[in-house]
Amino acid sequence: MVSSPVVNTYPLSSYTFGTKEPKMEKDTSVADRLARMKVNYMKEGMRTSVEAILLVQEHNHPHILLLQIGNTFCKLPGGRLKPGENEIEGLKRKLTSKLGANSPALVPDWQECKKLFLVHLSEKEYFAVPKNLKLLAVPLFELYDNVQRYGPVISTIPQQLSRFQFNMISI
């Protein structure tokens, strides 16, 4: 019998959260972002993005840390890799820059390769969140099949994590 990989999760209260200067978005609208992405695709080809799944526990239930922009949009910490950049090194760079820690009908005509990585957190970490963002701990049951609120990628994370066994470690 094959056993499931084990992921240790630690209480949200064991982490320290602070603030840092606001991280401004490059684009002021979705249309501006799409135009910039199309130009970049024409110059550089397929875009590769990496995002981190950061697991914590609250009330003995796994939660994922998401960055909230404004009142409605949530995303995983991460971002675009530089051309030729190693995925793991790029993810470390993005997590450091984002946190200081080690529409469905829209189908663009360019390609993007997005990779999600489950990042194993130690029992103590410090997260410096830009002042214009909120860092939320969202329970897996809220994400599950909630495409309207979290989009097609984040809403499928509970299914992706179902192959893991979680150790809820209390400190």
N, C-alpha and C. Protein backbone atom coordinates (compact mmCIF):
# COMPACT_ATOMS: atom_id res chain seq x y z
N MET A 1 0.84 -1.17 0.00
CA MET A 1 0.00 0.00 0.00
C MET A 1 0.89 1.25 0.00
N VAL A 2 0.57 2.19 -0.85
CA VAL A 2 1.33 3.43 -0.95
C VAL A 2 0.74 4.44 0.02
N SER A 3 1.60 5.04 0.84
CA SER A 3 1.10 6.03 1.80
C SER A 3 1.14 7.42 1.19
N SER A 4 0.29 8.28 1.69
CA SER A 4 0.22 9.66 1.22
C SER A 4 1.39 10.46 1.77
N PRO A 5 1.89 11.42 0.98
CA PRO A 5 2.92 12.31 1.52
C PRO A 5 2.35 13.10 2.70
N VAL A 6 3.19 13.38 3.68
CA VAL A 6 2.75 14.07 4.89
C VAL A 6 3.20 15.53 4.86
N VAL A 7 2.30 16.42 5.21
CA VAL A 7 2.60 17.85 5.29
C VAL A 7 2.33 18.31 6.72
N ASN A 8 3.34 18.88 7.36
CA ASN A 8 3.15 19.44 8.70
C ASN A 8 2.58 20.84 8.57
N THR A 9 1.52 21.11 9.33
CA THR A 9 0.97 22.46 9.38
C THR A 9 1.03 22.95 10.81
N TYR A 10 1.28 24.25 10.95
CA TYR A 10 1.44 24.86 12.27
C TYR A 10 0.34 25.90 12.47
N PRO A 11 0.02 26.20 13.72
CA PRO A 11 -1.05 27.18 14.00
C PRO A 11 -0.71 28.56 13.43
N LEU A 12 -1.73 29.23 12.94
CA LEU A 12 -1.58 30.58 12.42
C LEU A 12 -0.97 31.50 13.48
N SER A 13 -1.29 31.25 14.73
CA SER A 13 -0.80 32.09 15.83
C SER A 13 0.71 31.98 16.04
N SER A 14 1.35 30.96 15.46
CA SER A 14 2.79 30.82 15.64
C SER A 14 3.58 31.69 14.66
N TYR A 15 2.88 32.35 13.74
CA TYR A 15 3.54 33.21 12.75
C TYR A 15 3.40 34.67 13.14
N THR A 16 4.38 35.47 12.72
CA THR A 16 4.38 36.90 13.00
C THR A 16 4.11 37.65 11.70
N PHE A 17 3.25 38.66 11.79
CA PHE A 17 2.87 39.43 10.61
C PHE A 17 3.18 40.90 10.84
N GLY A 18 3.76 41.54 9.85
CA GLY A 18 4.06 42.96 9.90
C GLY A 18 3.66 43.60 8.59
N THR A 19 4.03 44.86 8.41
CA THR A 19 3.72 45.56 7.17
C THR A 19 4.99 46.11 6.55
N LYS A 20 4.89 46.44 5.28
CA LYS A 20 5.98 47.11 4.58
C LYS A 20 5.35 48.05 3.56
N GLU A 21 6.19 48.74 2.81
CA GLU A 21 5.69 49.73 1.85
C GLU A 21 4.74 49.07 0.84
N PRO A 22 3.75 49.83 0.36
CA PRO A 22 2.80 49.26 -0.61
C PRO A 22 3.49 48.75 -1.86
N LYS A 23 2.97 47.67 -2.40
CA LYS A 23 3.46 47.10 -3.65
C LYS A 23 2.44 47.49 -4.72
N MET A 24 2.83 48.39 -5.60
CA MET A 24 1.89 48.90 -6.59
C MET A 24 1.79 47.94 -7.77
N GLU A 25 0.59 47.78 -8.28
CA GLU A 25 0.37 46.96 -9.46
C GLU A 25 0.88 47.72 -10.68
N LYS A 26 1.36 46.99 -11.69
CA LYS A 26 1.90 47.62 -12.89
C LYS A 26 0.80 48.23 -13.75
N ASP A 27 -0.40 47.68 -13.65
CA ASP A 27 -1.49 48.10 -14.52
C ASP A 27 -2.65 48.65 -13.69
N THR A 28 -3.37 49.61 -14.28
CA THR A 28 -4.50 50.20 -13.57
C THR A 28 -5.82 49.53 -13.93
N SER A 29 -5.83 48.71 -14.99
CA SER A 29 -7.06 48.03 -15.38
C SER A 29 -6.72 46.67 -15.98
N VAL A 30 -7.74 45.84 -16.09
CA VAL A 30 -7.56 44.52 -16.70
C VAL A 30 -7.15 44.67 -18.16
N ALA A 31 -7.74 45.64 -18.85
CA ALA A 31 -7.41 45.86 -20.26
C ALA A 31 -5.93 46.23 -20.42
N ASP A 32 -5.42 47.08 -19.53
CA ASP A 32 -4.00 47.45 -19.57
C ASP A 32 -3.12 46.23 -19.33
N ARG A 33 -3.51 45.40 -18.38
CA ARG A 33 -2.73 44.20 -18.07
C ARG A 33 -2.69 43.26 -19.26
N LEU A 34 -3.85 43.04 -19.89
CA LEU A 34 -3.91 42.15 -21.04
C LEU A 34 -3.07 42.68 -22.20
N ALA A 35 -3.11 43.99 -22.42
CA ALA A 35 -2.30 44.58 -23.49
C ALA A 35 -0.81 44.39 -23.21
N ARG A 36 -0.39 44.62 -21.96
CA ARG A 36 1.01 44.44 -21.58
C ARG A 36 1.44 42.98 -21.74
N MET A 37 0.56 42.05 -21.31
CA MET A 37 0.89 40.63 -21.42
C MET A 37 1.02 40.20 -22.88
N LYS A 38 0.17 40.74 -23.74
CA LYS A 38 0.24 40.38 -25.16
C LYS A 38 1.55 40.87 -25.77
N VAL A 39 1.95 42.10 -25.45
CA VAL A 39 3.22 42.65 -25.95
C VAL A 39 4.38 41.79 -25.45
N ASN A 40 4.36 41.43 -24.16
CA ASN A 40 5.43 40.59 -23.60
C ASN A 40 5.46 39.22 -24.27
N TYR A 41 4.30 38.66 -24.59
CA TYR A 41 4.25 37.36 -25.27
C TYR A 41 4.89 37.46 -26.65
N MET A 42 4.61 38.54 -27.34
CA MET A 42 5.19 38.72 -28.68
C MET A 42 6.71 38.83 -28.61
N LYS A 43 7.23 39.44 -27.53
CA LYS A 43 8.68 39.61 -27.38
C LYS A 43 9.36 38.37 -26.82
N GLU A 44 8.76 37.76 -25.78
CA GLU A 44 9.46 36.73 -25.01
C GLU A 44 8.89 35.32 -25.16
N GLY A 45 7.71 35.18 -25.75
CA GLY A 45 7.08 33.87 -25.85
C GLY A 45 6.26 33.55 -24.62
N MET A 46 6.06 32.25 -24.39
CA MET A 46 5.20 31.82 -23.29
C MET A 46 5.71 32.32 -21.95
N ARG A 47 4.81 32.80 -21.17
CA ARG A 47 5.10 33.32 -19.83
C ARG A 47 5.02 32.17 -18.84
N THR A 48 5.96 32.09 -17.92
CA THR A 48 5.92 31.08 -16.86
C THR A 48 5.78 31.78 -15.52
N SER A 49 4.76 31.37 -14.78
CA SER A 49 4.51 31.94 -13.46
C SER A 49 4.61 30.85 -12.41
N VAL A 50 5.03 31.23 -11.22
CA VAL A 50 5.09 30.31 -10.09
C VAL A 50 4.31 30.94 -8.94
N GLU A 51 3.58 30.11 -8.21
CA GLU A 51 2.81 30.59 -7.08
C GLU A 51 2.96 29.62 -5.93
N ALA A 52 2.88 30.13 -4.71
CA ALA A 52 3.11 29.32 -3.51
C ALA A 52 1.80 29.01 -2.81
N ILE A 53 1.64 27.75 -2.43
CA ILE A 53 0.55 27.34 -1.55
C ILE A 53 1.15 27.28 -0.15
N LEU A 54 0.78 28.24 0.69
CA LEU A 54 1.29 28.32 2.06
C LEU A 54 0.20 27.84 3.00
N LEU A 55 0.43 26.70 3.64
CA LEU A 55 -0.57 26.10 4.52
C LEU A 55 -0.30 26.41 5.98
N VAL A 56 -1.36 26.78 6.68
CA VAL A 56 -1.32 26.98 8.12
C VAL A 56 -2.55 26.27 8.68
N GLN A 57 -2.70 26.26 9.99
CA GLN A 57 -3.92 25.68 10.56
C GLN A 57 -4.56 26.66 11.53
N GLU A 58 -5.86 26.61 11.57
CA GLU A 58 -6.65 27.40 12.51
C GLU A 58 -7.83 26.53 12.90
N HIS A 59 -8.12 26.42 14.17
CA HIS A 59 -9.20 25.55 14.67
C HIS A 59 -9.01 24.10 14.19
N ASN A 60 -7.75 23.68 14.13
CA ASN A 60 -7.39 22.32 13.73
C ASN A 60 -7.86 21.97 12.31
N HIS A 61 -7.89 22.98 11.44
CA HIS A 61 -8.30 22.79 10.05
C HIS A 61 -7.30 23.54 9.16
N PRO A 62 -6.88 22.93 8.03
CA PRO A 62 -5.91 23.60 7.17
C PRO A 62 -6.49 24.84 6.49
N HIS A 63 -5.68 25.89 6.43
CA HIS A 63 -6.02 27.13 5.76
C HIS A 63 -4.88 27.47 4.80
N ILE A 64 -5.20 28.19 3.73
CA ILE A 64 -4.21 28.65 2.77
C ILE A 64 -4.08 30.16 2.90
N LEU A 65 -2.84 30.66 2.87
CA LEU A 65 -2.62 32.10 2.93
C LEU A 65 -2.76 32.70 1.53
N LEU A 66 -3.67 33.66 1.40
CA LEU A 66 -3.92 34.35 0.14
C LEU A 66 -3.71 35.84 0.33
N LEU A 67 -3.26 36.51 -0.71
CA LEU A 67 -3.16 37.96 -0.71
C LEU A 67 -4.45 38.54 -1.28
N GLN A 68 -5.06 39.47 -0.56
CA GLN A 68 -6.28 40.11 -1.03
C GLN A 68 -5.95 41.51 -1.53
N ILE A 69 -6.38 41.78 -2.75
CA ILE A 69 -6.19 43.09 -3.37
C ILE A 69 -7.56 43.75 -3.43
N GLY A 70 -7.71 44.90 -2.80
CA GLY A 70 -9.03 45.54 -2.74
C GLY A 70 -9.96 44.71 -1.89
N ASN A 71 -11.24 44.73 -2.22
CA ASN A 71 -12.23 44.00 -1.42
C ASN A 71 -12.62 42.66 -2.00
N THR A 72 -12.26 42.39 -3.26
CA THR A 72 -12.80 41.19 -3.88
C THR A 72 -11.78 40.23 -4.46
N PHE A 73 -10.62 40.69 -4.87
CA PHE A 73 -9.69 39.83 -5.61
C PHE A 73 -8.65 39.22 -4.69
N CYS A 74 -8.50 37.90 -4.76
CA CYS A 74 -7.50 37.18 -3.97
C CYS A 74 -6.55 36.45 -4.91
N LYS A 75 -5.29 36.33 -4.50
CA LYS A 75 -4.32 35.59 -5.30
C LYS A 75 -3.31 34.91 -4.39
N LEU A 76 -2.67 33.89 -4.94
CA LEU A 76 -1.58 33.22 -4.25
C LEU A 76 -0.33 34.08 -4.38
N PRO A 77 0.55 34.07 -3.38
CA PRO A 77 1.79 34.81 -3.52
C PRO A 77 2.68 34.16 -4.58
N GLY A 78 3.30 34.97 -5.39
CA GLY A 78 4.16 34.48 -6.47
C GLY A 78 4.15 35.46 -7.61
N GLY A 79 4.49 34.98 -8.80
CA GLY A 79 4.49 35.85 -9.97
C GLY A 79 5.28 35.27 -11.11
N ARG A 80 5.57 36.12 -12.09
CA ARG A 80 6.21 35.71 -13.33
C ARG A 80 7.70 35.50 -13.14
N LEU A 81 8.19 34.45 -13.79
CA LEU A 81 9.63 34.19 -13.80
C LEU A 81 10.30 35.05 -14.87
N LYS A 82 11.53 35.41 -14.63
CA LYS A 82 12.33 36.07 -15.65
C LYS A 82 12.70 35.02 -16.70
N PRO A 83 12.89 35.41 -17.96
CA PRO A 83 13.27 34.41 -18.98
C PRO A 83 14.52 33.63 -18.56
N GLY A 84 14.42 32.30 -18.58
CA GLY A 84 15.54 31.44 -18.23
C GLY A 84 15.75 31.22 -16.74
N GLU A 85 14.91 31.83 -15.89
CA GLU A 85 15.08 31.72 -14.44
C GLU A 85 14.60 30.36 -13.93
N ASN A 86 15.34 29.77 -13.01
CA ASN A 86 14.98 28.52 -12.35
C ASN A 86 13.68 28.71 -11.55
N GLU A 87 12.78 27.73 -11.60
CA GLU A 87 11.48 27.86 -10.94
C GLU A 87 11.59 28.06 -9.43
N ILE A 88 12.42 27.26 -8.78
CA ILE A 88 12.54 27.35 -7.32
C ILE A 88 13.19 28.67 -6.91
N GLU A 89 14.25 29.07 -7.61
CA GLU A 89 14.90 30.35 -7.31
C GLU A 89 13.94 31.51 -7.57
N GLY A 90 13.17 31.41 -8.65
CA GLY A 90 12.20 32.45 -8.96
C GLY A 90 11.11 32.54 -7.91
N LEU A 91 10.66 31.38 -7.42
CA LEU A 91 9.63 31.39 -6.37
C LEU A 91 10.19 32.00 -5.09
N LYS A 92 11.42 31.66 -4.74
CA LYS A 92 12.05 32.27 -3.56
C LYS A 92 12.13 33.79 -3.72
N ARG A 93 12.51 34.25 -4.91
CA ARG A 93 12.61 35.69 -5.18
C ARG A 93 11.24 36.35 -5.04
N LYS A 94 10.22 35.73 -5.59
CA LYS A 94 8.87 36.29 -5.53
C LYS A 94 8.34 36.32 -4.10
N LEU A 95 8.57 35.25 -3.34
CA LEU A 95 8.10 35.23 -1.95
C LEU A 95 8.81 36.29 -1.12
N THR A 96 10.09 36.49 -1.39
CA THR A 96 10.83 37.52 -0.67
C THR A 96 10.28 38.90 -1.02
N SER A 97 10.01 39.15 -2.29
CA SER A 97 9.52 40.47 -2.68
C SER A 97 8.07 40.70 -2.24
N LYS A 98 7.25 39.65 -2.23
CA LYS A 98 5.84 39.82 -1.86
C LYS A 98 5.64 39.84 -0.35
N LEU A 99 6.33 38.92 0.37
CA LEU A 99 6.05 38.75 1.80
C LEU A 99 7.26 38.91 2.69
N GLY A 100 8.41 39.09 2.12
CA GLY A 100 9.61 39.16 2.94
C GLY A 100 9.95 37.82 3.55
N ALA A 101 9.36 36.75 3.12
CA ALA A 101 9.62 35.39 3.60
C ALA A 101 10.42 34.66 2.55
N ASN A 102 11.54 33.77 3.57
CA ASN A 102 12.11 32.87 2.60
C ASN A 102 10.81 32.22 2.04
N SER A 103 -11.37 36.81 -15.97
CA SER A 103 -12.82 36.48 -16.09
C SER A 103 -12.95 35.16 -16.83
N PRO A 104 -13.91 34.19 -16.46
CA PRO A 104 -13.95 32.88 -17.08
C PRO A 104 -14.18 32.93 -18.60
N ALA A 105 -14.88 33.90 -19.08
CA ALA A 105 -15.16 34.01 -20.52
C ALA A 105 -13.96 34.53 -21.28
N LEU A 106 -13.02 35.11 -20.59
CA LEU A 106 -11.85 35.68 -21.24
C LEU A 106 -10.85 34.58 -21.56
N VAL A 107 -10.54 34.42 -22.83
CA VAL A 107 -9.55 33.44 -23.26
C VAL A 107 -8.50 34.17 -24.09
N PRO A 108 -7.38 34.54 -23.49
CA PRO A 108 -6.37 35.28 -24.25
C PRO A 108 -5.76 34.41 -25.34
N ASP A 109 -5.21 35.06 -26.37
CA ASP A 109 -4.63 34.31 -27.48
C ASP A 109 -3.13 34.12 -27.33
N TRP A 110 -2.62 34.20 -26.12
CA TRP A 110 -1.23 33.88 -25.84
C TRP A 110 -1.20 32.80 -24.77
N GLN A 111 -0.03 32.28 -24.52
CA GLN A 111 0.08 31.15 -23.59
C GLN A 111 0.78 31.55 -22.31
N GLU A 112 0.40 30.86 -21.25
CA GLU A 112 1.07 31.03 -19.97
C GLU A 112 1.16 29.67 -19.31
N CYS A 113 2.30 29.40 -18.72
CA CYS A 113 2.49 28.18 -17.94
C CYS A 113 2.54 28.61 -16.48
N LYS A 114 1.55 28.18 -15.70
CA LYS A 114 1.49 28.55 -14.29
C LYS A 114 1.75 27.30 -13.46
N LYS A 115 2.71 27.39 -12.54
CA LYS A 115 3.05 26.25 -11.70
C LYS A 115 2.83 26.62 -10.25
N LEU A 116 2.16 25.72 -9.52
CA LEU A 116 1.90 25.91 -8.10
C LEU A 116 2.84 25.01 -7.32
N PHE A 117 3.40 25.55 -6.24
CA PHE A 117 4.31 24.79 -5.39
C PHE A 117 3.78 24.81 -3.97
N LEU A 118 3.73 23.64 -3.35
CA LEU A 118 3.39 23.55 -1.94
C LEU A 118 4.66 23.85 -1.17
N VAL A 119 4.65 24.96 -0.44
CA VAL A 119 5.83 25.41 0.31
C VAL A 119 5.67 24.97 1.75
N HIS A 120 6.62 24.19 2.24
CA HIS A 120 6.58 23.72 3.62
C HIS A 120 7.09 24.82 4.54
N LEU A 121 6.20 25.36 5.36
CA LEU A 121 6.58 26.41 6.30
C LEU A 121 7.17 25.81 7.56
N SER A 122 8.13 26.50 8.13
CA SER A 122 8.64 26.08 9.44
C SER A 122 7.65 26.55 10.50
N GLU A 123 7.89 26.17 11.74
CA GLU A 123 6.91 26.51 12.78
C GLU A 123 6.88 27.98 13.11
N LYS A 124 7.91 28.73 12.78
CA LYS A 124 7.96 30.18 13.03
C LYS A 124 8.41 30.88 11.75
N GLU A 125 7.67 31.87 11.31
CA GLU A 125 8.03 32.68 10.15
C GLU A 125 7.59 34.11 10.42
N TYR A 126 8.18 35.05 9.68
CA TYR A 126 7.74 36.45 9.73
C TYR A 126 7.31 36.82 8.32
N PHE A 127 6.10 37.33 8.18
CA PHE A 127 5.59 37.77 6.89
C PHE A 127 5.41 39.28 6.92
N ALA A 128 6.05 39.99 6.00
CA ALA A 128 5.88 41.44 5.88
C ALA A 128 4.96 41.68 4.69
N VAL A 129 3.75 42.11 4.95
CA VAL A 129 2.72 42.26 3.93
C VAL A 129 2.68 43.72 3.48
N PRO A 130 2.71 43.98 2.16
CA PRO A 130 2.58 45.36 1.70
C PRO A 130 1.30 46.00 2.25
N LYS A 131 1.39 47.29 2.59
CA LYS A 131 0.27 47.98 3.24
C LYS A 131 -1.00 48.00 2.41
N ASN A 132 -0.89 47.91 1.09
CA ASN A 132 -2.08 47.94 0.25
C ASN A 132 -2.68 46.56 0.02
N LEU A 133 -2.14 45.53 0.66
CA LEU A 133 -2.67 44.17 0.54
C LEU A 133 -3.02 43.63 1.92
N LYS A 134 -3.90 42.63 1.94
CA LYS A 134 -4.21 41.90 3.17
C LYS A 134 -3.78 40.46 2.96
N LEU A 135 -3.27 39.84 4.01
CA LEU A 135 -2.94 38.42 3.95
C LEU A 135 -4.02 37.68 4.72
N LEU A 136 -4.78 36.85 4.01
CA LEU A 136 -5.90 36.12 4.61
C LEU A 136 -5.56 34.65 4.76
N ALA A 137 -6.04 34.04 5.84
CA ALA A 137 -5.97 32.59 6.01
C ALA A 137 -7.36 32.06 5.68
N VAL A 138 -7.49 31.40 4.55
CA VAL A 138 -8.79 30.96 4.06
C VAL A 138 -8.88 29.44 4.21
N PRO A 139 -9.94 28.94 4.87
CA PRO A 139 -10.06 27.49 5.06
C PRO A 139 -10.31 26.77 3.72
N LEU A 140 -9.83 25.55 3.64
CA LEU A 140 -9.99 24.78 2.41
C LEU A 140 -11.45 24.61 2.02
N PHE A 141 -12.34 24.45 3.01
CA PHE A 141 -13.75 24.24 2.67
C PHE A 141 -14.36 25.47 1.99
N GLU A 142 -13.83 26.66 2.26
CA GLU A 142 -14.34 27.86 1.59
C GLU A 142 -13.85 27.95 0.15
N LEU A 143 -12.64 27.46 -0.09
CA LEU A 143 -12.08 27.49 -1.44
C LEU A 143 -12.74 26.47 -2.35
N TYR A 144 -13.11 25.32 -1.78
CA TYR A 144 -13.58 24.18 -2.56
C TYR A 144 -14.72 24.57 -3.50
N ASP A 145 -14.49 24.41 -4.79
CA ASP A 145 -15.50 24.61 -5.83
C ASP A 145 -16.11 26.02 -5.80
N ASN A 146 -15.38 27.00 -5.32
CA ASN A 146 -15.87 28.38 -5.22
C ASN A 146 -15.21 29.23 -6.31
N VAL A 147 -15.50 28.88 -7.58
CA VAL A 147 -14.89 29.55 -8.72
C VAL A 147 -15.30 31.01 -8.79
N GLN A 148 -16.54 31.30 -8.44
CA GLN A 148 -17.03 32.69 -8.51
C GLN A 148 -16.17 33.62 -7.67
N ARG A 149 -15.80 33.20 -6.49
CA ARG A 149 -15.06 34.08 -5.56
C ARG A 149 -13.55 34.01 -5.78
N TYR A 150 -13.00 32.80 -6.00
CA TYR A 150 -11.55 32.62 -6.01
C TYR A 150 -10.95 32.30 -7.37
N GLY A 151 -11.77 32.07 -8.37
CA GLY A 151 -11.26 31.78 -9.70
C GLY A 151 -10.97 30.30 -9.90
N PRO A 152 -10.65 29.91 -11.14
CA PRO A 152 -10.52 28.49 -11.47
C PRO A 152 -9.28 27.80 -10.90
N VAL A 153 -8.24 28.54 -10.56
CA VAL A 153 -7.02 27.91 -10.03
C VAL A 153 -7.13 27.70 -8.53
N ILE A 154 -7.39 28.77 -7.79
CA ILE A 154 -7.42 28.68 -6.32
C ILE A 154 -8.55 27.76 -5.85
N SER A 155 -9.69 27.77 -6.56
CA SER A 155 -10.83 26.95 -6.11
C SER A 155 -10.58 25.45 -6.27
N THR A 156 -9.55 25.05 -7.01
CA THR A 156 -9.25 23.61 -7.16
C THR A 156 -8.13 23.14 -6.24
N ILE A 157 -7.55 24.04 -5.46
CA ILE A 157 -6.45 23.65 -4.56
C ILE A 157 -6.88 22.56 -3.58
N PRO A 158 -8.09 22.61 -2.99
CA PRO A 158 -8.47 21.51 -2.08
C PRO A 158 -8.39 20.13 -2.75
N GLN A 159 -8.81 20.01 -4.01
CA GLN A 159 -8.70 18.73 -4.70
C GLN A 159 -7.24 18.35 -4.90
N GLN A 160 -6.40 19.32 -5.24
CA GLN A 160 -4.99 19.04 -5.45
C GLN A 160 -4.31 18.58 -4.16
N LEU A 161 -4.76 19.13 -3.03
CA LEU A 161 -4.16 18.77 -1.74
C LEU A 161 -4.73 17.48 -1.14
N SER A 162 -5.77 16.94 -1.76
CA SER A 162 -6.43 15.76 -1.18
C SER A 162 -5.52 14.53 -1.14
N ARG A 163 -4.45 14.53 -1.89
CA ARG A 163 -3.54 13.38 -1.88
C ARG A 163 -2.54 13.43 -0.72
N PHE A 164 -2.56 14.53 0.04
CA PHE A 164 -1.65 14.68 1.17
C PHE A 164 -2.33 14.34 2.48
N GLN A 165 -1.53 13.93 3.42
CA GLN A 165 -1.98 13.73 4.80
C GLN A 165 -1.42 14.90 5.60
N PHE A 166 -2.26 15.53 6.43
CA PHE A 166 -1.83 16.70 7.19
C PHE A 166 -1.58 16.33 8.64
N ASN A 167 -0.44 16.75 9.15
CA ASN A 167 -0.14 16.66 10.58
C ASN A 167 -0.45 18.02 11.18
N MET A 168 -1.43 18.10 12.05
CA MET A 168 -1.77 19.35 12.71
C MET A 168 -0.92 19.45 13.97
N ILE A 169 0.14 20.22 13.91
CA ILE A 169 1.08 20.31 15.02
C ILE A 169 0.72 21.50 15.88
N SER A 170 0.54 21.26 17.17
CA SER A 170 0.25 22.38 18.08
C SER A 170 1.53 22.77 18.80
N ILE A 171 1.64 24.05 19.05
CA ILE A 171 2.86 24.57 19.68
C ILE A 171 2.52 25.13 21.04
